[in-house]
N, C-alpha and C. Protein backbone atom coordinates (compact mmCIF):
# COMPACT_ATOMS: atom_id res chain seq x y z
N MET A 1 -15.46 -17.67 13.19
CA MET A 1 -14.62 -16.77 12.38
C MET A 1 -13.72 -17.36 11.77
N MET A 2 -13.83 -17.45 10.42
CA MET A 2 -12.26 -17.87 9.96
C MET A 2 -10.79 -17.46 10.38
N ASN A 3 -10.13 -18.31 10.34
CA ASN A 3 -8.81 -17.90 10.58
C ASN A 3 -7.99 -16.56 9.94
N PRO A 4 -7.54 -15.76 10.72
CA PRO A 4 -7.19 -14.70 9.52
C PRO A 4 -6.20 -14.26 8.65
N VAL A 5 -5.62 -15.61 8.35
CA VAL A 5 -4.54 -15.62 6.99
C VAL A 5 -5.48 -15.85 5.75
N ILE A 6 -6.64 -17.25 6.78
CA ILE A 6 -7.34 -17.31 5.05
C ILE A 6 -8.04 -16.18 4.44
N GLN A 7 -8.30 -15.22 5.92
CA GLN A 7 -8.93 -13.72 5.44
C GLN A 7 -8.51 -13.20 4.33
N VAL A 8 -7.15 -12.44 5.29
CA VAL A 8 -6.28 -12.32 4.17
C VAL A 8 -6.52 -12.49 3.06
N ALA A 9 -5.81 -13.69 2.71
CA ALA A 9 -5.20 -14.24 1.20
C ALA A 9 -6.60 -14.34 0.48
N LEU A 10 -8.04 -14.17 1.33
CA LEU A 10 -8.66 -14.38 0.04
C LEU A 10 -9.37 -12.74 0.15
N GLY A 11 -9.28 -11.63 0.42
CA GLY A 11 -9.43 -10.87 0.81
C GLY A 11 -8.17 -10.35 -0.77
N GLY A 12 -7.44 -10.56 -0.34
CA GLY A 12 -6.19 -10.01 -1.29
C GLY A 12 -5.98 -10.59 -2.69
N ALA A 13 -7.37 -11.94 -3.22
CA ALA A 13 -7.75 -12.72 -3.85
C ALA A 13 -8.58 -11.24 -4.83
N LEU A 14 -9.69 -10.90 -3.59
CA LEU A 14 -10.62 -10.44 -4.90
C LEU A 14 -10.46 -8.56 -4.65
N GLY A 15 -9.10 -8.44 -3.77
CA GLY A 15 -9.07 -6.80 -3.84
C GLY A 15 -7.94 -6.59 -4.90
N ALA A 16 -7.15 -7.68 -5.16
CA ALA A 16 -6.16 -7.88 -6.51
C ALA A 16 -6.93 -7.89 -7.78
N SER A 17 -7.64 -8.80 -7.56
CA SER A 17 -8.95 -9.15 -8.55
C SER A 17 -10.19 -7.58 -9.56
N ALA A 18 -9.75 -7.29 -7.79
CA ALA A 18 -10.98 -5.62 -8.45
C ALA A 18 -9.75 -4.60 -8.96
N ARG A 19 -8.43 -4.42 -8.46
CA ARG A 19 -7.56 -4.07 -8.87
C ARG A 19 -7.05 -4.07 -10.62
N TYR A 20 -7.07 -5.45 -10.75
CA TYR A 20 -6.62 -5.40 -12.40
C TYR A 20 -8.08 -5.11 -13.45
N GLY A 21 -9.04 -5.19 -12.64
CA GLY A 21 -9.95 -4.39 -13.50
C GLY A 21 -10.30 -3.11 -13.41
N VAL A 22 -9.88 -2.55 -12.60
CA VAL A 22 -9.63 -0.99 -12.80
C VAL A 22 -8.58 -0.77 -13.56
N ASN A 23 -7.78 -1.69 -13.51
CA ASN A 23 -6.88 -1.61 -14.49
C ASN A 23 -7.25 -1.43 -16.21
N LEU A 24 -7.40 -2.68 -16.13
CA LEU A 24 -7.98 -2.98 -17.52
C LEU A 24 -9.14 -1.54 -18.16
N GLY A 25 -10.10 -0.93 -16.86
CA GLY A 25 -10.76 -0.29 -17.70
C GLY A 25 -10.83 1.17 -17.87
N ALA A 26 -9.15 1.76 -16.76
CA ALA A 26 -8.67 3.03 -16.66
C ALA A 26 -7.59 2.96 -18.31
N ALA A 27 -6.92 2.06 -18.75
CA ALA A 27 -6.11 1.41 -19.72
C ALA A 27 -6.80 2.39 -21.22
N ARG A 28 -8.59 0.99 -21.72
CA ARG A 28 -9.27 1.70 -22.16
C ARG A 28 -9.55 2.67 -22.38
N LEU A 29 -10.12 3.26 -21.20
CA LEU A 29 -10.55 4.84 -21.40
C LEU A 29 -9.58 5.79 -21.79
N PHE A 30 -8.96 5.72 -21.00
CA PHE A 30 -7.46 6.86 -21.21
C PHE A 30 -6.20 6.72 -21.24
N GLY A 31 -6.00 5.29 -22.08
CA GLY A 31 -4.73 5.29 -22.21
C GLY A 31 -3.67 5.02 -20.88
N PRO A 32 -2.59 4.99 -22.08
CA PRO A 32 -1.84 4.88 -20.42
C PRO A 32 -0.56 6.25 -20.41
N VAL A 33 -0.92 7.11 -20.81
CA VAL A 33 -0.64 8.64 -20.54
C VAL A 33 0.04 9.32 -18.87
N PHE A 34 -1.16 8.79 -18.18
CA PHE A 34 -1.32 8.46 -17.55
C PHE A 34 -1.50 7.76 -16.17
N PRO A 35 -0.86 7.39 -15.15
CA PRO A 35 -1.27 6.63 -14.45
C PRO A 35 -2.69 6.49 -13.52
N TRP A 36 -3.77 6.69 -14.29
CA TRP A 36 -4.98 6.84 -13.55
C TRP A 36 -5.70 6.01 -12.38
N ALA A 37 -5.42 4.68 -12.92
CA ALA A 37 -5.97 3.49 -12.22
C ALA A 37 -5.11 3.67 -10.89
N THR A 38 -3.57 3.92 -10.92
CA THR A 38 -3.32 3.78 -9.61
C THR A 38 -3.98 4.82 -8.93
N LEU A 39 -3.95 6.49 -9.28
CA LEU A 39 -4.95 7.42 -8.47
C LEU A 39 -5.91 7.12 -8.33
N ALA A 40 -6.51 6.30 -8.81
CA ALA A 40 -7.69 6.59 -8.79
C ALA A 40 -8.55 5.26 -7.26
N VAL A 41 -7.47 4.17 -7.22
CA VAL A 41 -7.50 3.38 -6.98
C VAL A 41 -7.05 3.42 -4.98
N ASN A 42 -5.67 4.47 -5.52
CA ASN A 42 -5.38 4.76 -3.98
C ASN A 42 -5.80 5.96 -3.28
N VAL A 43 -6.79 6.30 -4.09
CA VAL A 43 -8.07 7.33 -3.54
C VAL A 43 -8.89 6.42 -2.92
N ALA A 44 -10.36 6.08 -3.68
CA ALA A 44 -10.65 5.52 -3.76
C ALA A 44 -10.80 4.21 -1.99
N GLY A 45 -9.59 2.99 -2.49
CA GLY A 45 -8.86 2.52 -1.30
C GLY A 45 -8.84 3.27 0.24
N SER A 46 -8.33 4.88 -0.15
CA SER A 46 -8.13 5.45 0.96
C SER A 46 -9.66 5.85 1.69
N LEU A 47 -10.55 6.51 1.39
CA LEU A 47 -11.77 6.38 1.18
C LEU A 47 -12.39 5.68 1.84
N LEU A 48 -12.53 4.50 1.47
CA LEU A 48 -12.77 2.99 1.69
C LEU A 48 -12.36 2.30 3.04
N MET A 49 -10.99 2.81 3.29
CA MET A 49 -10.33 2.36 4.44
C MET A 49 -11.26 3.35 5.56
N GLY A 50 -11.26 4.46 5.07
CA GLY A 50 -11.76 5.52 6.41
C GLY A 50 -13.11 4.86 6.89
N LEU A 51 -14.06 4.70 6.09
CA LEU A 51 -15.65 4.16 6.17
C LEU A 51 -15.33 3.09 7.10
N LEU A 52 -14.48 2.18 6.22
CA LEU A 52 -14.08 1.22 7.24
C LEU A 52 -13.98 1.27 8.42
N VAL A 53 -12.47 1.80 9.31
CA VAL A 53 -12.35 2.03 9.89
C VAL A 53 -12.80 2.58 11.33
N ALA A 54 -14.11 3.80 10.18
CA ALA A 54 -14.72 4.38 11.32
C ALA A 54 -16.07 3.59 11.14
N ALA A 55 -16.75 2.43 10.77
CA ALA A 55 -17.55 1.61 10.56
C ALA A 55 -17.28 0.34 11.81
N LEU A 56 -16.08 0.19 11.63
CA LEU A 56 -15.64 -1.19 12.32
C LEU A 56 -14.51 -1.14 13.30
N GLY A 57 -13.77 -0.39 13.14
CA GLY A 57 -12.64 0.06 14.07
C GLY A 57 -11.63 -1.09 13.42
N ARG A 58 -10.30 -0.38 14.50
CA ARG A 58 -9.41 -0.98 13.60
C ARG A 58 -8.80 -2.59 13.93
N ASP A 59 -9.72 -2.61 15.21
CA ASP A 59 -9.06 -4.20 15.53
C ASP A 59 -10.65 -5.08 15.17
N SER A 60 -11.42 -5.02 14.39
CA SER A 60 -12.89 -6.01 13.95
C SER A 60 -12.16 -7.07 13.65
N GLY A 61 -12.97 -8.26 13.91
CA GLY A 61 -12.73 -9.42 13.54
C GLY A 61 -13.38 -9.83 11.50
N TRP A 62 -13.40 -8.52 11.06
CA TRP A 62 -13.67 -7.90 9.83
C TRP A 62 -12.12 -7.37 9.37
N ALA A 63 -11.47 -6.85 10.02
CA ALA A 63 -10.16 -6.13 9.51
C ALA A 63 -9.53 -6.89 8.44
N PRO A 64 -9.29 -8.10 8.79
CA PRO A 64 -8.29 -9.12 8.47
C PRO A 64 -8.64 -9.23 6.93
N LEU A 65 -9.61 -9.74 6.38
CA LEU A 65 -10.27 -9.34 5.65
C LEU A 65 -10.89 -8.90 4.82
N LEU A 66 -10.87 -7.53 5.22
CA LEU A 66 -11.51 -6.20 4.66
C LEU A 66 -10.53 -4.93 4.24
N MET A 67 -9.76 -4.54 5.75
CA MET A 67 -8.74 -3.84 5.50
C MET A 67 -7.28 -4.43 4.93
N THR A 68 -6.79 -5.62 5.12
CA THR A 68 -5.52 -6.18 5.06
C THR A 68 -5.53 -6.60 3.79
N GLY A 69 -6.62 -8.29 4.01
CA GLY A 69 -6.95 -8.64 2.69
C GLY A 69 -7.13 -7.48 1.38
N VAL A 70 -9.00 -7.03 1.36
CA VAL A 70 -9.44 -6.66 -0.08
C VAL A 70 -8.65 -5.27 -0.27
N LEU A 71 -8.49 -4.45 0.70
CA LEU A 71 -8.05 -3.23 0.40
C LEU A 71 -6.65 -3.17 0.22
N GLY A 72 -6.12 -4.22 0.70
CA GLY A 72 -4.83 -4.42 1.20
C GLY A 72 -4.20 -4.88 -0.47
N GLY A 73 -5.26 -5.10 -1.37
CA GLY A 73 -4.36 -5.82 -2.60
C GLY A 73 -5.32 -5.30 -3.72
N PHE A 74 -5.67 -4.34 -2.87
CA PHE A 74 -7.04 -3.31 -4.34
C PHE A 74 -5.65 -2.19 -4.43
N THR A 75 -5.23 -1.49 -3.51
CA THR A 75 -4.56 -0.33 -3.02
C THR A 75 -2.93 -0.52 -2.94
N THR A 76 -2.23 -0.08 -3.94
CA THR A 76 -0.68 -0.85 -3.95
C THR A 76 0.36 0.37 -4.23
N PHE A 77 0.76 1.22 -3.46
CA PHE A 77 1.78 2.15 -3.10
C PHE A 77 3.05 1.92 -3.87
N SER A 78 3.23 0.45 -4.08
CA SER A 78 4.43 -0.07 -4.97
C SER A 78 3.73 0.34 -6.36
N ALA A 79 2.98 0.32 -6.87
CA ALA A 79 2.38 0.76 -8.20
C ALA A 79 2.34 1.90 -8.20
N PHE A 80 1.99 2.64 -7.06
CA PHE A 80 2.24 4.42 -7.13
C PHE A 80 3.96 4.86 -7.84
N SER A 81 4.45 3.63 -6.73
CA SER A 81 5.95 4.42 -6.57
C SER A 81 6.75 4.06 -8.37
N LEU A 82 6.22 2.62 -8.52
CA LEU A 82 6.68 2.30 -10.24
C LEU A 82 6.54 3.88 -11.02
N ASP A 83 5.17 3.52 -10.93
CA ASP A 83 4.43 4.95 -11.98
C ASP A 83 4.87 6.37 -11.73
N ALA A 84 5.39 6.71 -10.61
CA ALA A 84 6.24 7.61 -10.78
C ALA A 84 7.41 7.90 -11.28
N VAL A 85 8.06 7.18 -10.44
CA VAL A 85 9.93 7.24 -11.46
C VAL A 85 9.46 6.56 -13.05
N ALA A 86 8.39 5.96 -12.99
CA ALA A 86 8.41 5.98 -15.17
C ALA A 86 8.72 7.27 -15.36
N LEU A 87 8.10 7.56 -15.33
CA LEU A 87 7.57 9.31 -15.76
C LEU A 87 8.48 10.06 -15.08
N TRP A 88 9.29 9.84 -13.92
CA TRP A 88 10.23 10.98 -13.99
C TRP A 88 11.46 10.52 -14.92
N GLN A 89 11.22 9.09 -15.58
CA GLN A 89 12.43 7.99 -16.11
C GLN A 89 12.29 9.16 -17.48
N LYS A 90 10.84 8.88 -17.96
CA LYS A 90 10.56 9.29 -19.17
C LYS A 90 10.95 10.69 -19.47
N GLY A 91 11.72 11.82 -18.41
CA GLY A 91 11.72 13.35 -18.63
C GLY A 91 10.53 13.78 -18.86
N GLN A 92 9.38 13.37 -17.91
CA GLN A 92 7.94 14.19 -17.41
C GLN A 92 8.36 14.08 -16.00
N GLY A 93 9.43 14.96 -15.66
CA GLY A 93 9.51 15.85 -14.49
C GLY A 93 7.78 15.82 -13.46
N ALA A 94 7.78 17.00 -14.18
CA ALA A 94 6.63 17.96 -13.80
C ALA A 94 5.16 17.30 -13.38
N VAL A 95 5.04 16.04 -14.36
CA VAL A 95 4.06 15.60 -14.64
C VAL A 95 4.19 14.06 -13.49
N ALA A 96 4.99 13.64 -13.10
CA ALA A 96 5.76 12.86 -11.57
C ALA A 96 5.08 13.47 -10.27
N ALA A 97 5.43 14.81 -10.46
CA ALA A 97 4.87 15.61 -9.18
C ALA A 97 3.38 16.36 -9.02
N LEU A 98 3.39 16.33 -10.31
CA LEU A 98 1.65 16.57 -10.21
C LEU A 98 0.77 15.14 -9.44
N TYR A 99 1.35 14.20 -10.12
CA TYR A 99 0.65 12.69 -10.17
C TYR A 99 1.27 12.59 -8.46
N VAL A 100 2.73 12.35 -8.00
CA VAL A 100 3.06 12.51 -6.24
C VAL A 100 2.79 13.07 -5.54
N GLY A 101 1.96 14.18 -6.23
CA GLY A 101 1.25 15.75 -4.65
C GLY A 101 -0.30 15.05 -4.67
N ALA A 102 -0.81 14.79 -6.03
CA ALA A 102 -2.05 14.85 -6.34
C ALA A 102 -2.85 13.64 -5.72
N SER A 103 -2.00 12.29 -5.50
CA SER A 103 -2.13 10.92 -4.90
C SER A 103 -2.26 11.66 -3.10
N VAL A 104 -1.27 11.76 -3.00
CA VAL A 104 -1.06 11.99 -1.62
C VAL A 104 -2.16 13.02 -0.21
N ILE A 105 -2.51 14.23 -1.30
CA ILE A 105 -3.16 15.34 -1.18
C ILE A 105 -4.10 13.77 -1.22
N LEU A 106 -5.25 13.61 -2.27
CA LEU A 106 -6.41 13.46 -2.26
C LEU A 106 -7.12 11.91 -2.05
N SER A 107 -5.90 11.42 -1.09
CA SER A 107 -5.82 10.09 -0.71
C SER A 107 -5.61 10.33 0.51
N LEU A 108 -5.36 11.09 1.15
CA LEU A 108 -4.91 11.44 2.73
C LEU A 108 -6.83 12.81 2.62
N ALA A 109 -7.30 13.07 2.02
CA ALA A 109 -8.34 14.57 2.46
C ALA A 109 -9.35 12.62 1.97
N ALA A 110 -9.30 12.31 1.34
CA ALA A 110 -10.67 10.44 1.10
C ALA A 110 -10.60 10.13 2.36
N LEU A 111 -9.45 9.77 2.85
CA LEU A 111 -9.16 9.14 4.32
C LEU A 111 -10.31 9.78 5.34
N THR A 112 -9.64 11.28 5.13
CA THR A 112 -10.84 11.52 6.27
C THR A 112 -11.34 12.38 5.59
N ALA A 113 -12.59 12.10 5.28
CA ALA A 113 -14.18 11.90 3.92
C ALA A 113 -14.68 10.65 4.25
N GLY A 114 -13.61 9.93 4.95
CA GLY A 114 -14.34 8.14 5.10
C GLY A 114 -14.87 8.24 6.90
N LEU A 115 -13.74 9.03 7.08
CA LEU A 115 -13.78 8.60 8.86
C LEU A 115 -14.99 9.41 9.11
N SER A 116 -15.07 10.94 8.33
CA SER A 116 -15.95 12.01 9.24
C SER A 116 -17.75 11.30 8.31
N MET A 117 -17.85 10.53 7.03
CA MET A 117 -18.82 10.63 6.84
C MET A 117 -19.46 8.97 7.50
N GLY A 118 -18.22 7.99 8.04
CA GLY A 118 -18.80 6.90 8.97
C GLY A 118 -18.68 6.82 10.14
N ARG A 119 -18.67 8.20 10.51
CA ARG A 119 -18.39 7.74 12.24
C ARG A 119 -19.71 8.24 12.43
N PRO A 120 -20.32 7.83 13.53
CA PRO A 120 -22.11 9.08 13.89
C PRO A 120 -22.09 10.20 14.03
N ALA A 121 -23.57 10.59 14.16
CA ALA A 121 -23.39 12.32 14.11
C ALA A 121 -23.16 12.76 15.54
């Protein structure tokens, strides 16, 4: 198996590149009014994390590449935080609150769904 640090680095490059693609696509489709890209990657990343944990376990040899690397590069709550504060600073407090609430609730629900779907019956 490859060195875990190299796995994280390679996975992070893949995840960050995918994240950039989502950012570009969302900006073209929806414009900059609401941080759709960050919401989408946080929810999708939570679903994928649930599926991976259910399928592989937390201590899998694939965890550094897939969980820490790819998903760590793909989903970033630092971007979430920046988007929420930016909305607040623009005087869009209600939109910021909706964004924060939707991000947390949908991500937790997606993780739970991923765990449920990924575990054998």
